[in-house]
Amino acid sequence: MAEPIPPITLPPASNPQQEGQWLRDTLVKWLDHEFLPEPVNQKIADRASQIFVRQRMEGENDLGSLVIAIVTEMQAFDFRESFYSEFAIANAVSDLLLESLGIDRCCGN
């Protein structure tokens, strides 16, 4: 039987606003690179960053919980002007955070 994948815990937030700014900037670059640079990409990154910062300020360090929060709250965002969805954004945030921690997002190593 396969072993379950252990949860990934981020270090406690020492400066959530700085983390949010990094996430916003990095996510916009990712969004612009994946498809087309669009004005809505900044709005998407702003909203995802706001959710992330609030969660971190509330003490959330579990990556899985952060991803679920982003998916849930981004459902209220109007994606009609975008190629993306709340799931794509949450997955991108997860990948960017894993990369920043030096964790291979493919295999969890």
Protein backbone atom coordinates (compact mmCIF):
# COMPACT_ATOMS: atom_id res chain seq x y z
CA MET A 1 0.00 0.00 0.00
CA ALA A 2 1.29 3.45 -0.90
CA GLU A 3 2.27 5.82 1.84
CA PRO A 4 0.17 8.98 2.16
CA ILE A 5 1.86 12.22 1.18
CA PRO A 6 2.66 14.20 4.31
CA PRO A 7 1.19 17.70 4.58
CA ILE A 8 3.38 20.61 3.56
CA THR A 9 3.64 23.27 6.21
CA LEU A 10 4.96 26.73 5.42
CA PRO A 11 7.20 28.44 7.95
CA PRO A 12 5.25 30.79 10.22
CA ALA A 13 4.66 34.13 8.54
CA SER A 14 7.06 36.77 9.77
CA ASN A 15 5.87 39.39 7.29
CA PRO A 16 2.59 38.40 5.59
CA GLN A 17 2.40 41.66 3.61
CA GLN A 18 5.83 41.04 2.09
CA GLU A 19 4.86 37.44 1.28
CA GLY A 20 1.69 38.75 -0.35
CA GLN A 21 3.63 41.25 -2.47
CA TRP A 22 6.00 38.49 -3.59
CA LEU A 23 3.06 36.23 -4.43
CA ARG A 24 1.25 39.00 -6.33
CA ASP A 25 4.31 39.87 -8.42
CA THR A 26 5.27 36.26 -9.08
CA LEU A 27 1.72 35.21 -9.93
CA VAL A 28 1.28 38.07 -12.43
CA LYS A 29 4.52 37.00 -14.17
CA TRP A 30 3.30 33.41 -14.26
CA LEU A 31 -0.15 34.37 -15.59
CA ASP A 32 1.33 36.63 -18.26
CA HIS A 33 3.77 33.92 -19.33
CA GLU A 34 1.28 31.02 -19.44
CA PHE A 35 -1.13 32.61 -21.94
CA LEU A 36 -1.31 36.29 -22.75
CA PRO A 37 -0.47 39.37 -20.72
CA GLU A 38 -3.91 40.76 -19.88
CA PRO A 39 -5.06 43.52 -17.51
CA VAL A 40 -7.25 41.00 -15.68
CA ASN A 41 -4.14 39.08 -14.63
CA GLN A 42 -3.24 41.85 -12.18
CA LYS A 43 -6.74 41.72 -10.70
CA ILE A 44 -6.52 37.95 -10.32
CA ALA A 45 -3.12 38.18 -8.65
CA ASP A 46 -4.33 40.98 -6.37
CA ARG A 47 -7.31 38.92 -5.19
CA ALA A 48 -5.33 35.70 -4.72
CA SER A 49 -2.69 37.62 -2.78
CA GLN A 50 -5.33 39.22 -0.52
CA ILE A 51 -6.74 35.81 0.32
CA PHE A 52 -3.28 34.40 0.95
CA VAL A 53 -2.23 37.30 3.21
CA ARG A 54 -5.41 37.13 5.26
CA GLN A 55 -5.03 33.38 5.72
CA ARG A 56 -1.39 33.76 6.75
CA MET A 57 -2.27 36.57 9.20
CA GLU A 58 -4.85 34.24 10.73
CA GLY A 59 -2.07 31.72 11.32
CA GLU A 60 -2.67 29.31 8.43
CA ASN A 61 0.56 27.51 7.51
CA ASP A 62 -0.79 24.35 5.86
CA LEU A 63 -0.37 24.55 2.09
CA GLY A 64 -3.40 22.35 1.42
CA SER A 65 -5.62 24.58 3.52
CA LEU A 66 -4.29 27.68 1.78
CA VAL A 67 -5.07 26.15 -1.62
CA ILE A 68 -8.62 25.26 -0.54
CA ALA A 69 -9.16 28.79 0.78
CA ILE A 70 -8.00 30.28 -2.54
CA VAL A 71 -10.23 27.94 -4.58
CA THR A 72 -13.23 28.68 -2.36
CA GLU A 73 -12.85 32.45 -2.25
CA MET A 74 -11.82 32.85 -5.89
CA GLN A 75 -15.15 31.30 -6.92
CA ALA A 76 -16.65 34.76 -6.41
CA PHE A 77 -14.16 36.28 -8.87
CA ASP A 78 -15.43 36.99 -12.41
CA PHE A 79 -13.16 34.97 -14.71
CA ARG A 80 -15.07 35.81 -17.91
CA GLU A 81 -12.22 38.04 -19.14
CA SER A 82 -9.60 35.40 -18.46
CA PHE A 83 -8.39 32.00 -19.61
CA TYR A 84 -8.08 30.91 -15.98
CA SER A 85 -10.34 29.55 -13.24
CA GLU A 86 -10.15 29.43 -9.47
CA PHE A 87 -8.59 25.96 -9.70
CA ALA A 88 -5.83 27.09 -12.06
CA ILE A 89 -5.02 30.01 -9.77
CA ALA A 90 -4.92 27.90 -6.61
CA ASN A 91 -2.73 25.31 -8.33
CA ALA A 92 -0.40 28.04 -9.60
CA VAL A 93 -0.11 29.52 -6.11
CA SER A 94 0.70 26.07 -4.75
CA ASP A 95 3.35 25.48 -7.42
CA LEU A 96 4.94 28.90 -6.85
CA LEU A 97 5.06 28.36 -3.08
CA LEU A 98 6.54 24.87 -3.47
CA GLU A 99 9.15 26.21 -5.86
CA SER A 100 10.05 28.99 -3.40
CA LEU A 101 10.58 26.35 -0.71
CA GLY A 102 12.76 24.23 -3.00
CA ILE A 103 10.23 21.39 -3.13
CA ASP A 104 9.82 19.52 -6.41
CA ARG A 105 6.13 19.96 -7.21
CA CYS A 106 6.16 16.92 -9.46
CA CYS A 107 7.03 14.32 -6.91
CA GLY A 108 6.95 16.07 -3.55
CA ASN A 109 10.69 15.74 -2.91
